Protein backbone atom coordinates (compact mmCIF):
# COMPACT_ATOMS: atom_id res chain seq x y z
CA MET A 1 0.00 0.00 0.00
CA LEU A 2 2.86 2.38 0.77
CA ASP A 3 4.31 1.78 -2.71
CA LEU A 4 0.91 2.64 -4.18
CA LEU A 5 0.81 5.81 -2.11
CA LYS A 6 4.24 6.83 -3.35
CA LYS A 7 3.25 6.12 -6.95
CA THR A 8 0.05 8.13 -6.50
CA ALA A 9 2.02 10.98 -4.99
CA ALA A 10 4.53 11.01 -7.84
CA CYS A 11 1.78 11.05 -10.45
CA ALA A 12 -0.09 13.76 -8.58
CA LEU A 13 2.99 15.96 -8.38
CA ALA A 14 3.57 15.64 -12.11
CA VAL A 15 -0.02 16.55 -12.86
CA TRP A 16 -0.08 19.52 -10.47
CA VAL A 17 3.02 20.93 -12.18
CA VAL A 18 1.39 20.61 -15.61
CA LEU A 19 -1.75 22.32 -14.40
CA TRP A 20 -0.07 25.68 -13.93
CA ALA A 21 -0.45 25.97 -17.72
CA PHE A 22 -4.24 25.96 -17.33
CA PRO A 23 -5.61 29.30 -16.10
CA LEU A 24 -8.78 29.17 -14.03
CA ARG A 25 -12.03 30.42 -15.46
CA ALA A 26 -13.43 33.72 -14.30
CA GLU A 27 -14.65 32.86 -10.80
CA ALA A 28 -18.35 32.03 -10.66
CA VAL A 29 -18.15 31.07 -7.00
CA SER A 30 -16.69 32.58 -3.84
CA THR A 31 -16.31 31.65 -0.17
CA SER A 32 -15.90 33.32 3.20
CA ALA A 33 -12.61 31.51 3.74
CA THR A 34 -9.26 33.18 4.20
CA SER A 35 -7.83 30.35 2.09
CA ALA A 36 -9.65 27.87 -0.14
CA ILE A 37 -9.25 25.46 -3.04
CA LEU A 38 -11.36 23.04 -5.11
CA VAL A 39 -9.57 20.20 -6.93
CA ASP A 40 -10.59 17.34 -9.23
CA VAL A 41 -9.12 14.26 -7.52
CA ASP A 42 -8.22 12.02 -10.43
CA SER A 43 -6.72 14.67 -12.71
CA GLY A 44 -5.39 17.04 -10.04
CA ARG A 45 -6.85 19.99 -11.93
CA VAL A 46 -7.52 23.03 -9.75
CA LEU A 47 -11.06 24.27 -10.42
CA TYR A 48 -11.04 27.17 -7.95
CA ASP A 49 -8.54 28.66 -5.54
CA HIS A 50 -8.21 31.67 -3.30
CA ASN A 51 -5.04 32.43 -1.36
CA ALA A 52 -4.34 28.69 -1.54
CA ASP A 53 -0.60 28.90 -0.74
CA ALA A 54 -0.91 30.97 2.44
CA ARG A 55 0.56 29.31 5.53
CA MET A 56 -2.37 28.60 7.87
CA LEU A 57 -3.24 26.82 11.10
CA ILE A 58 -5.29 23.74 10.21
CA ALA A 59 -6.62 22.44 13.55
CA SER A 60 -8.14 18.93 13.46
CA THR A 61 -7.97 18.52 9.68
CA THR A 62 -4.47 17.38 10.70
CA LYS A 63 -6.09 14.08 11.63
CA ILE A 64 -6.44 13.08 7.97
CA LEU A 65 -2.67 12.67 7.88
CA THR A 66 -2.67 11.01 11.30
CA ALA A 67 -5.16 8.43 10.05
CA LEU A 68 -3.30 7.86 6.79
CA VAL A 69 0.03 7.23 8.55
CA ALA A 70 -1.63 4.94 11.10
CA ILE A 71 -3.43 2.90 8.45
CA GLU A 72 -0.31 2.59 6.30
CA GLU A 73 2.03 1.64 9.13
CA GLY A 74 -0.16 0.16 11.86
CA ASP A 75 -2.29 -2.94 12.41
CA LEU A 76 -6.00 -2.21 12.73
CA SER A 77 -6.51 -5.24 14.98
CA GLN A 78 -3.68 -4.22 17.35
CA THR A 79 -4.79 -3.80 20.97
CA VAL A 80 -3.74 -0.42 22.36
CA THR A 81 -3.48 0.39 26.05
CA VAL A 82 -4.36 4.04 26.67
CA SER A 83 -1.60 6.00 28.41
CA ARG A 84 -2.10 8.73 30.97
CA GLU A 85 -0.80 11.28 28.46
CA ALA A 86 -3.42 10.24 25.91
CA ALA A 87 -6.30 10.11 28.41
CA TYR A 88 -5.59 13.64 29.67
CA THR A 89 -5.03 15.32 26.30
CA GLU A 90 -6.87 18.65 26.08
CA GLY A 91 -9.58 19.55 23.60
CA SER A 92 -12.11 17.43 21.72
CA SER A 93 -12.24 13.87 22.98
CA MET A 94 -13.61 10.36 22.61
CA TYR A 95 -13.26 10.17 26.42
CA LEU A 96 -10.55 7.58 26.77
CA LYS A 97 -9.56 6.37 30.23
CA GLU A 98 -6.04 5.60 31.38
CA GLY A 99 -5.36 1.87 31.11
CA GLU A 100 -8.32 1.23 28.82
CA LYS A 101 -7.71 -1.25 26.00
CA LEU A 102 -9.04 -0.68 22.48
CA THR A 103 -8.13 -1.74 18.97
CA LEU A 104 -6.34 0.67 16.68
CA GLU A 105 -9.41 0.57 14.42
CA THR A 106 -11.67 1.76 17.26
CA LEU A 107 -9.26 4.61 17.95
CA LEU A 108 -9.34 5.60 14.27
CA TYR A 109 -13.12 5.89 14.41
CA GLY A 110 -12.74 8.02 17.52
CA LEU A 111 -10.17 10.13 15.70
CA MET A 112 -12.22 10.75 12.55
CA LEU A 113 -15.79 10.79 13.91
CA CYS A 114 -15.38 12.31 17.38
CA SER A 115 -12.24 14.27 16.46
CA GLY A 116 -10.62 12.82 19.56
CA ASN A 117 -7.35 14.51 20.46
CA ASP A 118 -6.92 11.73 23.02
CA ALA A 119 -7.34 9.15 20.25
CA ALA A 120 -4.67 10.92 18.18
CA VAL A 121 -2.11 10.66 20.98
CA ALA A 122 -2.99 7.00 21.67
CA ILE A 123 -2.62 6.20 17.97
CA ALA A 124 0.72 7.98 17.72
CA GLN A 125 2.12 6.12 20.71
CA ALA A 126 0.84 2.77 19.44
CA VAL A 127 2.22 3.17 15.92
CA SER A 128 5.52 4.97 16.55
CA GLY A 129 6.19 4.72 20.28
CA SER A 130 5.82 8.43 20.98
CA VAL A 131 4.10 11.56 19.70
CA GLU A 132 7.46 13.00 18.62
CA ALA A 133 8.41 9.93 16.55
CA PHE A 134 4.95 9.85 14.97
CA ALA A 135 5.24 13.53 14.00
CA GLN A 136 8.44 12.67 12.17
CA ARG A 137 6.55 10.03 10.19
CA MET A 138 3.83 12.58 9.45
CA ASN A 139 6.38 14.99 8.04
CA ALA A 140 8.02 12.23 6.01
CA MET A 141 4.72 11.26 4.42
CA ALA A 142 3.85 14.92 3.81
CA ALA A 143 7.15 15.28 1.93
CA GLU A 144 6.36 12.19 -0.15
CA LEU A 145 3.03 13.76 -1.10
CA GLY A 146 4.69 17.02 -2.15
CA MET A 147 3.27 19.06 0.73
CA THR A 148 6.12 21.57 0.55
CA GLY A 149 4.32 24.28 2.54
CA SER A 150 3.53 22.14 5.57
CA SER A 151 4.99 21.19 8.93
CA PHE A 152 3.50 18.88 11.57
CA ALA A 153 4.36 18.94 15.26
CA ASN A 154 1.59 16.73 16.66
CA PRO A 155 -1.08 14.23 15.53
CA ASN A 156 -4.14 16.20 16.65
CA GLY A 157 -3.73 19.72 15.26
CA LEU A 158 -3.44 21.65 18.51
CA ASP A 159 -1.88 25.06 17.89
CA ASP A 160 1.91 25.07 17.60
CA GLU A 161 4.25 27.43 15.77
CA LYS A 162 5.75 24.42 13.99
CA HIS A 163 2.36 23.06 12.95
CA TYR A 164 0.85 24.53 9.78
CA SER A 165 -0.13 23.86 6.20
CA THR A 166 -1.78 25.45 3.15
CA ALA A 167 -5.08 24.84 1.41
CA ARG A 168 -3.19 23.50 -1.61
CA ASP A 169 -1.18 21.07 0.50
CA MET A 170 -4.28 19.89 2.34
CA ALA A 171 -5.92 19.21 -1.03
CA ARG A 172 -2.89 17.10 -2.00
CA LEU A 173 -3.29 15.17 1.25
CA ALA A 174 -7.01 14.68 0.73
CA CYS A 175 -6.52 13.43 -2.83
CA ALA A 176 -4.15 10.75 -1.50
CA ALA A 177 -6.42 9.94 1.44
CA VAL A 178 -9.53 9.27 -0.65
CA ASN A 179 -7.59 6.61 -2.55
CA ASN A 180 -7.20 4.67 0.71
CA GLU A 181 -10.27 2.44 1.04
CA THR A 182 -9.92 1.97 4.81
CA LEU A 183 -9.68 5.69 5.49
CA VAL A 184 -12.69 6.42 3.27
CA ARG A 185 -14.70 3.69 5.00
CA ILE A 186 -14.02 5.28 8.38
CA ALA A 187 -14.38 8.93 7.34
CA SER A 188 -17.66 8.31 5.51
CA THR A 189 -19.32 6.56 8.47
CA LYS A 190 -22.15 8.64 9.94
CA SER A 191 -22.51 6.60 13.12
CA ILE A 192 -21.07 3.39 14.52
CA THR A 193 -21.05 1.28 17.66
CA ILE A 194 -17.63 -0.29 18.12
CA GLY A 195 -15.51 -1.24 21.13
CA GLY A 196 -18.41 -0.55 23.49
CA ARG A 197 -18.84 3.02 22.21
CA THR A 198 -21.39 4.64 19.92
CA MET A 199 -19.81 7.43 17.91
CA THR A 200 -21.41 9.98 15.58
CA ASN A 201 -19.57 11.84 12.84
CA HIS A 202 -19.24 15.62 13.30
CA ASN A 203 -19.17 16.14 9.53
CA LYS A 204 -22.61 17.50 8.57
CA LEU A 205 -21.75 17.40 4.87
CA LEU A 206 -22.31 13.63 4.92
CA SER A 207 -26.03 14.41 5.19
CA TRP A 208 -26.13 17.78 3.46
CA VAL A 209 -24.08 17.26 0.27
CA GLU A 210 -24.95 14.75 -2.44
CA GLY A 211 -22.20 12.16 -2.77
CA CYS A 212 -20.10 13.40 0.17
CA ILE A 213 -17.66 10.72 1.37
CA GLY A 214 -16.26 12.58 4.38
CA LEU A 215 -13.06 13.68 5.51
CA LYS A 216 -12.46 16.06 8.43
CA THR A 217 -13.65 19.12 10.33
CA GLY A 218 -11.48 21.26 12.58
CA TYR A 219 -11.54 24.19 14.98
CA THR A 220 -9.35 26.03 17.42
CA GLN A 221 -9.75 29.64 18.49
CA ALA A 222 -6.59 30.64 16.63
CA ALA A 223 -7.25 28.55 13.50
CA GLY A 224 -10.95 29.26 13.25
CA ARG A 225 -13.15 26.78 11.41
CA THR A 226 -11.29 24.48 9.01
CA LEU A 227 -12.84 21.87 6.74
CA VAL A 228 -11.54 19.33 4.20
CA SER A 229 -14.12 17.27 2.33
CA CYS A 230 -14.65 15.10 -0.75
CA ALA A 231 -17.75 14.43 -2.86
CA GLU A 232 -18.33 12.03 -5.74
CA ARG A 233 -20.94 12.33 -8.50
CA ASN A 234 -21.14 10.35 -11.74
CA GLY A 235 -17.72 8.82 -11.10
CA GLN A 236 -16.03 12.21 -10.66
CA ARG A 237 -14.48 13.10 -7.29
CA LEU A 238 -13.79 16.63 -6.08
CA VAL A 239 -11.94 17.77 -2.95
CA ALA A 240 -12.72 21.07 -1.25
CA VAL A 241 -10.60 22.79 1.41
CA THR A 242 -11.52 25.92 3.36
CA LEU A 243 -9.37 27.39 6.13
CA GLN A 244 -10.52 30.02 8.59
CA ASP A 245 -14.07 30.00 7.26
CA GLY A 246 -17.04 30.84 9.47
CA ASN A 247 -19.49 29.70 6.77
CA ASP A 248 -17.77 26.48 5.76
CA TRP A 249 -20.77 24.14 5.47
CA ALA A 250 -22.50 26.40 2.95
CA ASP A 251 -19.25 27.21 1.16
CA HIS A 252 -18.46 23.56 0.53
CA GLN A 253 -21.95 22.98 -0.84
CA ALA A 254 -21.50 25.94 -3.19
CA LEU A 255 -18.05 24.78 -4.29
CA TYR A 256 -19.34 21.32 -5.20
CA ASP A 257 -22.35 22.65 -7.07
CA TYR A 258 -20.01 24.90 -9.04
CA GLY A 259 -17.32 22.30 -9.69
CA PHE A 260 -19.55 19.48 -10.87
CA SER A 261 -21.58 21.75 -13.15
CA ALA A 262 -18.75 23.89 -14.59
CA TYR A 263 -16.12 21.11 -14.94
CA PRO A 264 -17.82 17.78 -15.73
CA ALA A 265 -15.31 14.97 -16.26
CA LYS A 266 -14.87 13.58 -19.76
CA ARG A 267 -13.71 9.96 -19.74
CA ALA A 268 -11.25 9.20 -22.55
CA ALA A 269 -9.98 5.76 -21.50
CA VAL A 270 -11.24 2.93 -19.31
CA LEU A 271 -8.94 0.31 -17.83
CA GLY A 272 -8.96 -2.80 -20.02
CA LYS A 273 -11.24 -1.30 -22.67
CA THR A 274 -10.34 -0.92 -26.36
CA VAL A 275 -9.25 2.57 -27.44
CA GLY A 276 -8.06 1.74 -30.96
CA SER A 277 -6.15 -0.79 -33.03
CA ALA A 278 -2.75 -1.30 -34.65
CA ARG A 279 -1.71 -2.93 -37.91
CA VAL A 280 0.15 -6.26 -37.70
CA GLU A 281 2.46 -7.67 -40.37
CA GLY A 282 3.00 -11.39 -40.86
CA GLY A 283 0.12 -12.36 -38.61
CA GLU A 284 -3.03 -14.43 -38.78
CA GLU A 285 -4.91 -11.15 -38.22
CA ALA A 286 -4.13 -7.86 -39.94
CA GLN A 287 -4.92 -5.79 -36.85
CA VAL A 288 -4.79 -6.12 -33.07
CA PRO A 289 -7.02 -4.20 -30.63
CA LEU A 290 -5.27 -1.79 -28.24
CA VAL A 291 -6.55 -1.54 -24.68
CA ALA A 292 -5.87 1.04 -21.97
CA ALA A 293 -3.57 0.04 -19.11
CA GLU A 294 -5.43 2.47 -16.84
CA SER A 295 -8.40 4.80 -16.89
CA PHE A 296 -8.18 8.48 -17.76
CA ALA A 297 -10.66 11.32 -17.41
CA TRP A 298 -10.35 15.08 -17.47
CA PRO A 299 -12.65 17.83 -16.16
CA LEU A 300 -13.59 20.12 -19.04
CA ALA A 301 -14.72 23.73 -18.87
CA GLN A 302 -17.06 25.09 -21.49
CA GLY A 303 -15.23 25.53 -24.79
CA GLU A 304 -12.56 22.93 -24.03
CA THR A 305 -12.14 19.75 -26.09
CA LEU A 306 -10.35 16.58 -24.99
CA GLU A 307 -8.59 14.82 -27.86
CA THR A 308 -6.77 11.47 -28.02
CA GLN A 309 -3.75 10.58 -30.17
CA LEU A 310 -2.42 7.01 -30.31
CA GLN A 311 1.37 6.77 -30.50
CA VAL A 312 2.29 3.27 -31.71
CA ASP A 313 5.28 2.21 -33.81
CA GLU A 314 3.23 0.56 -36.55
CA PRO A 315 3.10 -1.90 -38.06
CA LEU A 316 3.65 -4.43 -35.30
CA THR A 317 5.32 -7.69 -36.29
CA ALA A 318 3.76 -11.03 -35.46
CA PRO A 319 3.79 -12.87 -33.16
CA VAL A 320 1.94 -10.43 -30.88
CA THR A 321 1.13 -11.34 -27.29
CA ALA A 322 -1.85 -9.96 -25.38
CA GLY A 323 -0.77 -7.59 -22.59
CA THR A 324 2.38 -6.38 -24.33
CA ALA A 325 2.91 -2.61 -24.08
CA VAL A 326 3.24 -1.18 -27.58
CA GLY A 327 2.66 2.56 -27.22
CA GLU A 328 0.74 5.32 -25.49
CA ALA A 329 -2.51 7.22 -25.79
CA VAL A 330 -1.74 10.94 -25.47
CA PHE A 331 -4.53 13.23 -24.28
CA THR A 332 -4.63 16.96 -25.05
CA VAL A 333 -6.99 19.78 -24.19
CA ASN A 334 -7.04 22.55 -26.77
CA GLY A 335 -3.59 21.45 -27.92
CA ARG A 336 -1.99 21.10 -24.48
CA GLU A 337 -1.00 17.66 -23.21
CA VAL A 338 -2.77 16.68 -19.99
CA GLY A 339 -1.95 13.00 -19.65
CA ARG A 340 -0.78 9.69 -21.10
CA VAL A 341 -1.91 6.09 -20.75
CA THR A 342 0.07 3.00 -21.79
CA LEU A 343 -1.49 0.95 -24.59
CA LEU A 344 -1.48 -2.86 -24.40
CA CYS A 345 -2.20 -5.45 -27.08
CA GLY A 346 -5.68 -6.76 -26.43
CA ALA A 347 -5.24 -10.16 -28.10
CA ASP A 348 -2.69 -12.68 -29.35
CA VAL A 349 -1.87 -12.62 -33.04
CA ALA A 350 -0.19 -15.77 -34.40
CA ILE A 351 2.51 -15.80 -37.05
CA VAL A 352 1.61 -16.93 -40.55
CA VAL A 353 4.63 -18.51 -42.29
CA GLY A 354 5.07 -20.16 -45.67
CA GLY A 355 6.83 -23.29 -46.87
CA ASP A 356 10.24 -21.73 -47.47
CA GLY A 357 11.79 -22.85 -44.18
CA SER A 358 10.92 -19.60 -42.37
CA ILE A 359 8.54 -21.64 -40.22
CA LEU A 360 11.57 -23.21 -38.56
CA ARG A 361 13.04 -19.85 -37.60
CA ALA A 362 9.69 -18.57 -36.43
CA ALA A 363 8.97 -21.68 -34.38
CA ARG A 364 12.38 -21.58 -32.71
CA ALA A 365 11.82 -17.94 -31.75
CA ALA A 366 8.25 -18.34 -30.60
CA ALA A 367 8.10 -21.76 -28.98
CA PRO A 368 9.92 -20.85 -25.72
CA ARG A 369 7.33 -18.11 -25.19
CA GLY A 370 4.38 -20.37 -25.90
CA ILE A 371 3.29 -18.19 -28.85
CA PRO A 372 0.88 -19.82 -31.31
CA ILE A 373 2.14 -20.18 -34.90
CA LEU A 374 0.09 -20.97 -37.96
CA GLY A 375 2.16 -23.00 -40.45
CA VAL A 376 1.14 -23.45 -44.10
CA ASN A 377 2.78 -26.01 -46.43
CA MET A 378 1.41 -27.50 -49.65
CA GLY A 379 -2.13 -26.52 -48.68
CA ARG A 380 -1.89 -28.22 -45.31
CA VAL A 381 -2.27 -26.31 -42.01
CA GLY A 382 -0.88 -27.12 -38.58
CA PHE A 383 -0.63 -25.23 -35.24
CA MET A 384 2.47 -25.30 -33.04
CA SER A 385 3.15 -23.89 -29.60
CA GLU A 386 5.99 -25.01 -27.35
CA LEU A 387 8.04 -27.64 -29.18
CA GLU A 388 11.15 -29.72 -28.53
CA PRO A 389 14.22 -29.10 -30.78
CA SER A 390 13.71 -32.47 -32.51
CA GLU A 391 10.13 -31.49 -33.30
CA LEU A 392 11.26 -28.17 -34.75
CA GLU A 393 13.74 -29.98 -37.01
CA ALA A 394 10.97 -32.29 -38.19
CA ILE A 395 8.80 -29.29 -39.00
CA GLY A 396 11.66 -27.77 -40.97
CA ALA A 397 11.96 -30.96 -42.96
CA MET A 398 8.25 -30.84 -43.67
CA CYS A 399 8.59 -27.32 -44.98
CA ARG A 400 11.44 -28.37 -47.26
CA GLY A 401 9.25 -31.12 -48.70
CA GLU A 402 11.19 -33.98 -47.15
CA TYR A 403 8.12 -35.15 -45.20
CA ASP A 404 4.41 -34.71 -45.46
CA MET A 405 2.84 -32.51 -42.77
CA GLU A 406 0.23 -34.39 -40.80
CA GLU A 407 -3.20 -32.90 -40.29
């Protein structure tokens, strides 16, 4: 899972760099936030931002990173004994008691639903041994995600001069978090009874916004109201972040209504589905279907057109094996490249060889790979796959007319 997170982070960073070439539309939405951003999750395209790179206090939205580190590095079934430090942590709480034993999973629900500062400390101590060591892991993961404007001093978001982030960085974090199935399962839960406790989610957007899948609320007197959320409609996911926003519930609703209507996603490739074909020379078939190695979609503003160009070194030469990478689909919006997807052969294409002895060379090359070959000699047809050297020699003799080929 950590490798997947790193891969996702690397891809996201590349996309976010490209997106500086795409100016935002004239703003048709606004918020009360000091800092805000709206991002399409799968493309990374920024649909709206305001003061998004300002260094801000983020309060309990910190706990998204706490949960992600804990899920990546901890064991959900681990039994955790609550320390005195955790039980007496100030601020919002799931009301842990010193010496109490709970699973890490129960603590994660307390972290994300109740916003338990006590749960955050208990989690940090269970996963890394101490709050300080866990904060180091938080900063390491933040760096992997490209959160260059952030610093984390604790797992709960209590005010600290070394604890801050930006709306843009928190959007990066949220985009990674919503690709973690366990975190989404927890953050999207409205209410649960687990470990002898019934907990209710503080996030009102789960009931107020169509398709909302959670993430995290936050508040301290210095930070004000902070909110990071995600909503999904018609297969498109958007992340909204508002920092220091006294009207955050309404602002997130307005941001989603704007984003989904002004930037609907256009799907150009679907994992495993055919996107085109390539010519094949020397094969039983003249063409082979090309399928996408991953899905690709892009949010389009009015007047924008998503185009696809297939880059394949044609013609391919038989034999062709299904699953072989042979090129890329390149996607552009109004002439600017926005992404690429690897193209794979969608079927096997067998070699067709004549009776001039080339069948022997083809069979020797293809047999170790188990590639099907169609041999033709004197009007007779035979199929070969993985053959012994003596069998290949016999086939060569057949092709030279020394033996008759059997049906």
